N, C-alpha and C. Protein backbone atom coordinates (compact mmCIF):
# COMPACT_ATOMS: atom_id res chain seq x y z
N MET A 1 26.27 -15.65 -30.74
CA MET A 1 25.85 -15.24 -29.38
C MET A 1 26.55 -14.83 -28.51
N GLN A 2 28.00 -15.84 -28.09
CA GLN A 2 28.93 -15.61 -27.41
C GLN A 2 29.42 -14.77 -26.95
N VAL A 3 29.81 -14.03 -28.83
CA VAL A 3 30.71 -12.88 -28.38
C VAL A 3 30.37 -11.63 -28.08
N GLN A 4 28.66 -11.67 -28.53
CA GLN A 4 28.03 -10.56 -28.21
C GLN A 4 27.52 -10.53 -26.77
N SER A 5 27.60 -11.71 -26.27
CA SER A 5 27.28 -11.66 -24.39
C SER A 5 29.05 -11.09 -24.50
N ARG A 6 29.89 -11.56 -24.43
CA ARG A 6 31.10 -11.23 -24.00
C ARG A 6 31.16 -9.57 -24.05
N LYS A 7 30.95 -8.83 -25.04
CA LYS A 7 31.11 -7.64 -25.46
C LYS A 7 29.85 -6.81 -24.69
N ILE A 8 28.68 -7.59 -24.53
CA ILE A 8 27.82 -7.13 -23.24
C ILE A 8 28.38 -6.93 -22.03
N CYS A 9 29.21 -7.86 -21.70
CA CYS A 9 29.57 -8.13 -20.36
C CYS A 9 30.85 -6.97 -19.93
N GLY A 10 31.83 -6.72 -21.55
CA GLY A 10 32.58 -5.99 -21.53
C GLY A 10 32.21 -4.60 -21.12
N GLN A 11 31.22 -4.37 -21.72
CA GLN A 11 30.67 -2.79 -22.26
C GLN A 11 29.64 -2.51 -20.80
N ARG A 12 29.86 -2.70 -19.59
CA ARG A 12 28.97 -2.92 -18.96
C ARG A 12 30.66 -2.83 -17.83
N ARG A 13 31.14 -3.27 -17.69
CA ARG A 13 31.92 -3.71 -16.21
C ARG A 13 33.10 -1.84 -16.50
N LYS A 14 33.18 -1.78 -17.40
CA LYS A 14 33.66 0.04 -17.60
C LYS A 14 32.34 1.17 -17.35
N PRO A 15 32.16 1.19 -17.01
CA PRO A 15 30.92 2.21 -16.65
C PRO A 15 30.76 1.76 -15.07
N SER A 16 30.57 0.94 -14.82
CA SER A 16 30.51 0.06 -12.99
C SER A 16 31.72 0.47 -12.78
N SER A 17 33.19 0.36 -12.96
CA SER A 17 33.72 0.64 -12.32
C SER A 17 34.75 2.18 -12.42
N TYR A 18 33.69 2.96 -13.25
CA TYR A 18 34.39 4.01 -13.13
C TYR A 18 33.62 4.91 -11.75
N PRO A 19 32.43 4.51 -11.27
CA PRO A 19 32.37 5.50 -9.62
C PRO A 19 33.42 4.99 -8.91
N TYR A 20 33.33 3.50 -8.81
CA TYR A 20 34.20 3.06 -7.48
C TYR A 20 35.89 4.27 -7.64
N ILE A 21 36.43 4.24 -8.61
CA ILE A 21 37.32 5.09 -9.30
C ILE A 21 37.29 6.65 -8.27
N LEU A 22 36.35 7.30 -9.01
CA LEU A 22 35.98 8.24 -8.52
C LEU A 22 35.52 8.73 -7.44
N ILE A 23 35.19 7.99 -6.71
CA ILE A 23 34.40 7.50 -4.87
C ILE A 23 35.79 7.19 -4.51
N PHE A 24 36.86 6.84 -4.46
CA PHE A 24 38.32 6.64 -4.27
C PHE A 24 38.84 7.95 -3.97
N ALA A 25 38.83 8.77 -5.56
CA ALA A 25 39.55 9.31 -5.50
C ALA A 25 38.98 11.09 -4.32
N THR A 26 37.55 10.97 -4.48
CA THR A 26 37.01 11.78 -3.96
C THR A 26 37.84 11.67 -2.00
N GLY A 27 37.21 10.42 -1.85
CA GLY A 27 37.34 10.26 -0.78
C GLY A 27 39.10 10.06 0.01
N SER A 28 40.34 10.05 -0.91
CA SER A 28 40.94 10.19 -0.67
C SER A 28 41.58 12.21 -0.62
N TYR A 29 41.01 12.33 -1.45
CA TYR A 29 40.93 14.00 -1.34
C TYR A 29 40.26 14.30 -0.14
N ALA A 30 38.99 14.04 0.20
CA ALA A 30 38.71 14.69 1.72
C ALA A 30 39.44 14.05 2.76
N ARG A 31 40.20 13.09 2.49
CA ARG A 31 40.89 12.25 3.75
C ARG A 31 42.29 13.58 3.96
N TYR A 32 42.66 13.71 2.57
CA TYR A 32 43.98 14.90 2.50
C TYR A 32 43.40 16.08 3.19
N ILE A 33 42.24 16.42 2.40
CA ILE A 33 41.87 17.62 3.23
C ILE A 33 41.34 17.79 4.92
N LEU A 34 41.02 16.96 5.12
CA LEU A 34 41.20 16.66 6.31
C LEU A 34 42.34 16.75 7.48
N HIS A 35 42.83 15.99 7.12
CA HIS A 35 44.27 15.96 7.37
C HIS A 35 44.81 17.36 7.49
N ARG A 36 44.76 18.11 6.68
CA ARG A 36 45.99 19.29 6.51
C ARG A 36 44.95 19.73 7.52
N ILE A 37 43.77 20.17 8.13
CA ILE A 37 42.40 21.17 8.46
C ILE A 37 42.68 20.41 10.30
N TYR A 38 43.03 19.26 9.90
CA TYR A 38 42.87 18.76 11.22
C TYR A 38 44.49 19.05 12.14
N ILE A 39 45.73 19.45 11.54
CA ILE A 39 47.27 20.00 11.50
C ILE A 39 46.99 21.19 11.98
N GLU A 40 46.31 22.00 10.97
CA GLU A 40 46.31 23.64 11.25
C GLU A 40 45.39 23.68 12.67
N ILE A 41 44.51 22.84 12.56
CA ILE A 41 43.54 22.81 14.00
C ILE A 41 44.51 22.61 15.66
N GLY A 42 45.32 21.64 15.02
CA GLY A 42 46.08 21.24 16.29
C GLY A 42 47.44 22.41 16.30
N LEU A 43 48.16 22.68 15.31
CA LEU A 43 49.01 23.77 14.95
C LEU A 43 48.38 25.04 16.47
N MET A 44 46.89 25.33 15.70
CA MET A 44 46.20 26.58 16.38
C MET A 44 46.72 26.21 17.82
N MET A 45 45.74 25.25 18.26
CA MET A 45 45.68 24.46 19.53
C MET A 45 47.14 25.29 20.32
N VAL A 46 47.99 24.12 19.66
CA VAL A 46 48.80 24.03 20.61
C VAL A 46 49.71 25.63 20.77
N LEU A 47 49.36 26.95 19.60
CA LEU A 47 49.68 28.16 19.91
C LEU A 47 49.35 29.02 20.51
N ARG A 48 48.11 28.59 20.75
CA ARG A 48 46.70 28.84 21.57
C ARG A 48 47.47 28.81 23.20
N ASN A 49 47.38 27.93 22.79
CA ASN A 49 47.91 27.12 24.32
C ASN A 49 49.27 28.02 24.98
N MET A 50 50.27 27.86 24.43
CA MET A 50 51.64 28.82 24.51
C MET A 50 51.05 30.00 24.59
N ILE A 51 50.42 30.89 23.93
CA ILE A 51 50.20 32.05 24.08
C ILE A 51 49.82 32.41 25.44
N MET A 52 48.82 31.52 25.83
CA MET A 52 48.34 32.19 26.66
C MET A 52 48.23 31.37 27.83
N TYR A 53 49.69 30.53 28.33
CA TYR A 53 50.48 29.79 28.68
C TYR A 53 50.64 31.12 28.97
N ARG A 54 51.49 31.44 28.22
CA ARG A 54 52.88 32.71 28.51
C ARG A 54 52.07 34.12 29.42
N ILE A 55 50.25 34.74 28.59
CA ILE A 55 50.35 35.45 29.45
C ILE A 55 49.97 34.90 30.59
N ARG A 56 49.51 34.34 30.89
CA ARG A 56 48.78 33.30 32.42
C ARG A 56 50.68 33.73 33.23
N GLN A 57 51.96 33.54 32.87
CA GLN A 57 53.54 34.00 33.47
C GLN A 57 53.12 35.19 33.71
N LEU A 58 53.52 35.90 31.99
CA LEU A 58 53.79 37.64 32.55
C LEU A 58 52.04 38.19 33.33
N HIS A 59 50.99 37.73 33.60
CA HIS A 59 50.33 38.01 34.46
C HIS A 59 50.69 38.24 35.73
N ALA A 60 50.72 36.82 35.92
CA ALA A 60 51.06 36.90 37.54
C ALA A 60 52.14 36.98 37.81
N ILE A 61 53.32 37.15 37.17
CA ILE A 61 54.56 38.18 37.36
C ILE A 61 54.85 39.52 37.78
N ASN A 62 53.17 40.50 37.00
CA ASN A 62 52.74 41.19 37.00
C ASN A 62 52.64 41.85 37.85
N CYS A 63 50.99 41.08 38.67
CA CYS A 63 50.15 41.48 39.30
C CYS A 63 51.06 40.92 40.67
N HIS A 64 51.89 39.83 40.69
CA HIS A 64 51.78 39.01 41.97
C HIS A 64 50.61 38.38 42.91
N ASP A 65 50.36 38.27 41.77
CA ASP A 65 48.20 37.64 42.49
C ASP A 65 48.14 36.27 41.94
N TYR A 66 48.29 35.40 41.95
CA TYR A 66 47.12 34.25 41.23
C TYR A 66 46.13 34.25 41.05
N HIS A 67 45.89 35.01 41.61
CA HIS A 67 43.71 35.27 41.75
C HIS A 67 43.25 36.37 40.80
N LEU A 68 44.49 36.91 40.41
CA LEU A 68 43.66 38.06 39.49
C LEU A 68 44.16 37.24 37.92
N VAL A 69 44.12 36.22 37.39
CA VAL A 69 44.72 35.51 35.95
C VAL A 69 43.00 35.50 35.64
N ILE A 70 42.74 36.46 35.10
CA ILE A 70 41.73 36.07 33.72
C ILE A 70 41.47 34.83 32.83
N PHE A 71 42.99 35.57 32.14
CA PHE A 71 42.54 33.86 31.37
C PHE A 71 43.10 32.84 31.71
N CYS A 72 41.54 32.09 31.48
CA CYS A 72 41.66 31.02 31.06
C CYS A 72 41.32 29.82 31.06
């Protein structure tokens, strides 16, 4: 009886650890995707700010009037 109970315990442990591995794998993959998205959004924000700043500078130089800056 002791041997059988050990086998049952052993069989029960394998499936229970499998979802944890799946959750960990999906979690790490999701974290990787989110990290990439955040980096891309950050780069886009920086580039957009640089472009808008350059447009503002050129616009101000061309118009000689800082009140005519449309790009906010």
